[in-house]
Every structure is written in C-alpha cells, then in structure tokens.
Protein backbone atom coordinates (compact mmCIF):
# COMPACT_ATOMS: atom_id res chain seq x y z
CA MET A 1 -152.22 251.85 -9.64
CA VAL A 2 -148.57 252.88 -10.20
CA ALA A 3 -147.04 250.00 -7.95
CA THR A 4 -148.84 247.30 -10.36
CA LYS A 5 -147.20 248.72 -13.88
CA VAL A 6 -143.83 248.82 -11.92
CA ILE A 7 -144.72 244.75 -10.87
CA ASP A 8 -145.85 244.00 -14.35
CA ARG A 9 -142.99 245.34 -16.04
CA ASP A 10 -140.60 243.65 -13.87
CA CYS A 11 -142.66 240.42 -14.07
CA GLY A 12 -141.95 241.15 -18.10
CA GLU A 13 -138.26 241.80 -17.60
CA LEU A 14 -137.46 239.05 -15.68
CA GLU A 15 -139.99 236.70 -18.03
CA ALA A 16 -137.39 237.44 -20.64
CA ARG A 17 -134.26 237.10 -18.72
CA VAL A 18 -135.73 233.19 -17.99
CA ARG A 19 -136.76 232.88 -21.60
CA GLY A 20 -133.11 233.97 -22.63
CA PHE A 21 -131.44 231.92 -20.14
CA LEU A 22 -133.37 228.94 -21.46
CA GLY A 23 -133.00 229.93 -25.29
CA ARG A 24 -129.06 229.62 -24.68
CA HIS A 25 -129.19 226.34 -23.24
CA PRO A 26 -127.82 223.57 -25.36
CA PHE A 27 -130.97 221.47 -25.11
CA PRO A 28 -133.10 222.55 -27.88
CA VAL A 29 -136.51 221.52 -26.29
CA LEU A 30 -135.78 224.03 -23.49
CA ARG A 31 -136.22 226.90 -26.03
CA ARG A 32 -139.66 225.34 -26.77
CA LEU A 33 -140.88 225.74 -23.25
CA HIS A 34 -143.61 228.20 -22.46
CA VAL A 35 -142.82 230.47 -19.56
CA GLU A 36 -144.63 233.03 -17.75
CA MET A 37 -144.22 235.15 -14.45
CA ASP A 38 -146.47 235.42 -11.12
CA GLY A 39 -144.64 237.81 -9.39
CA ASP A 40 -141.03 236.29 -8.41
CA ALA A 41 -142.34 232.81 -9.67
CA ALA A 42 -141.61 231.28 -12.71
CA ILE A 43 -144.26 228.83 -14.09
CA LEU A 44 -142.55 226.48 -16.67
CA GLN A 45 -145.10 224.59 -19.23
CA GLY A 46 -144.39 222.33 -22.19
CA ILE A 47 -143.33 218.84 -22.92
CA VAL A 48 -140.13 217.33 -22.72
CA GLY A 49 -138.72 214.06 -23.59
CA SER A 50 -137.20 212.78 -20.69
CA TYR A 51 -137.22 213.66 -17.03
CA TYR A 52 -133.36 214.70 -17.08
CA GLU A 53 -134.49 217.69 -19.25
CA ARG A 54 -137.40 218.75 -17.04
CA GLN A 55 -135.19 218.79 -14.00
CA VAL A 56 -132.60 220.92 -16.47
CA ALA A 57 -135.24 223.24 -17.25
CA ILE A 58 -136.22 223.76 -13.48
CA GLU A 59 -132.41 224.14 -12.52
CA CYS A 60 -131.98 226.44 -15.17
CA CYS A 61 -134.94 228.71 -14.05
CA LYS A 62 -133.57 228.55 -10.36
CA ARG A 63 -130.32 230.35 -11.24
CA VAL A 64 -131.84 233.37 -13.05
CA ALA A 65 -131.65 236.24 -10.69
CA GLY A 66 -135.05 237.16 -9.04
CA VAL A 67 -136.49 233.88 -9.53
CA ARG A 68 -137.88 232.60 -6.00
CA ARG A 69 -140.19 230.00 -7.07
CA VAL A 70 -140.10 227.66 -10.08
CA VAL A 71 -143.99 226.20 -10.78
CA ASP A 72 -143.27 222.69 -12.69
CA GLN A 73 -145.91 222.13 -15.16
CA ILE A 74 -143.71 220.62 -17.60
CA ARG A 75 -145.04 217.04 -19.09
CA VAL A 76 -142.55 214.47 -19.93
CA ASP A 77 -143.36 212.49 -22.89
CA ALA A 78 -140.81 210.32 -24.19
CA PRO A 79 -141.04 209.12 -27.79
CA THR A 80 -142.46 205.65 -28.00
CA PRO A 81 -139.30 203.06 -29.23
CA ILE A 82 -139.78 201.52 -32.70
CA PRO A 83 -140.13 197.74 -32.59
CA PRO A 84 -137.32 196.14 -34.28
CA PRO A 85 -138.29 194.45 -37.65
CA TYR A 86 -140.32 191.22 -37.64
CA GLN A 87 -137.86 188.28 -37.57
CA ARG A 88 -138.71 184.65 -38.77
C-alpha cells in the first residue's frame, strides 16, 4: 500500500509538470487540454483547431522528464470557414 501512495504522488507530480509545460507554450489551446497520468503514460484529451497543434501537444509531452508514452485522445475540430458574402 505504501508503494501505491508513492506511485500516486509521483503521478501527481508528473501530471503537474506536464500541465506546466503545456501551460508555458505560446499556443493558448494547449493550456485547455485535459491531462491525466497512467503511470508514466500521459493521456491527452481535448479539442484543438489543427493537426499541427495536436502534434505540438504530443511532442511537448514527450519532452517532459518521466513521460515514457503519450496516449493521444485529442480531437481536431477545425473551425468552419465563413463563406464570402453573396455577390450578384
């Protein structure tokens, strides 16, 4: 049981580091992603506007010391373009 508490605490610290790393990134959308840890695996959930933002989030998490695997559950939902005004 003691080992479980140590692992839980370590996961909490690792999750905080991942959140902090995403929070310091210049893309504001990365700050809104949901992060959970399952051992040394970071689980990312949320919606971004492009595949580039998704890839940046994944690569950011891989750079955090202690993260061995990233589980990508990010959805890309690009905004619908507004059509130009009707011209006659």
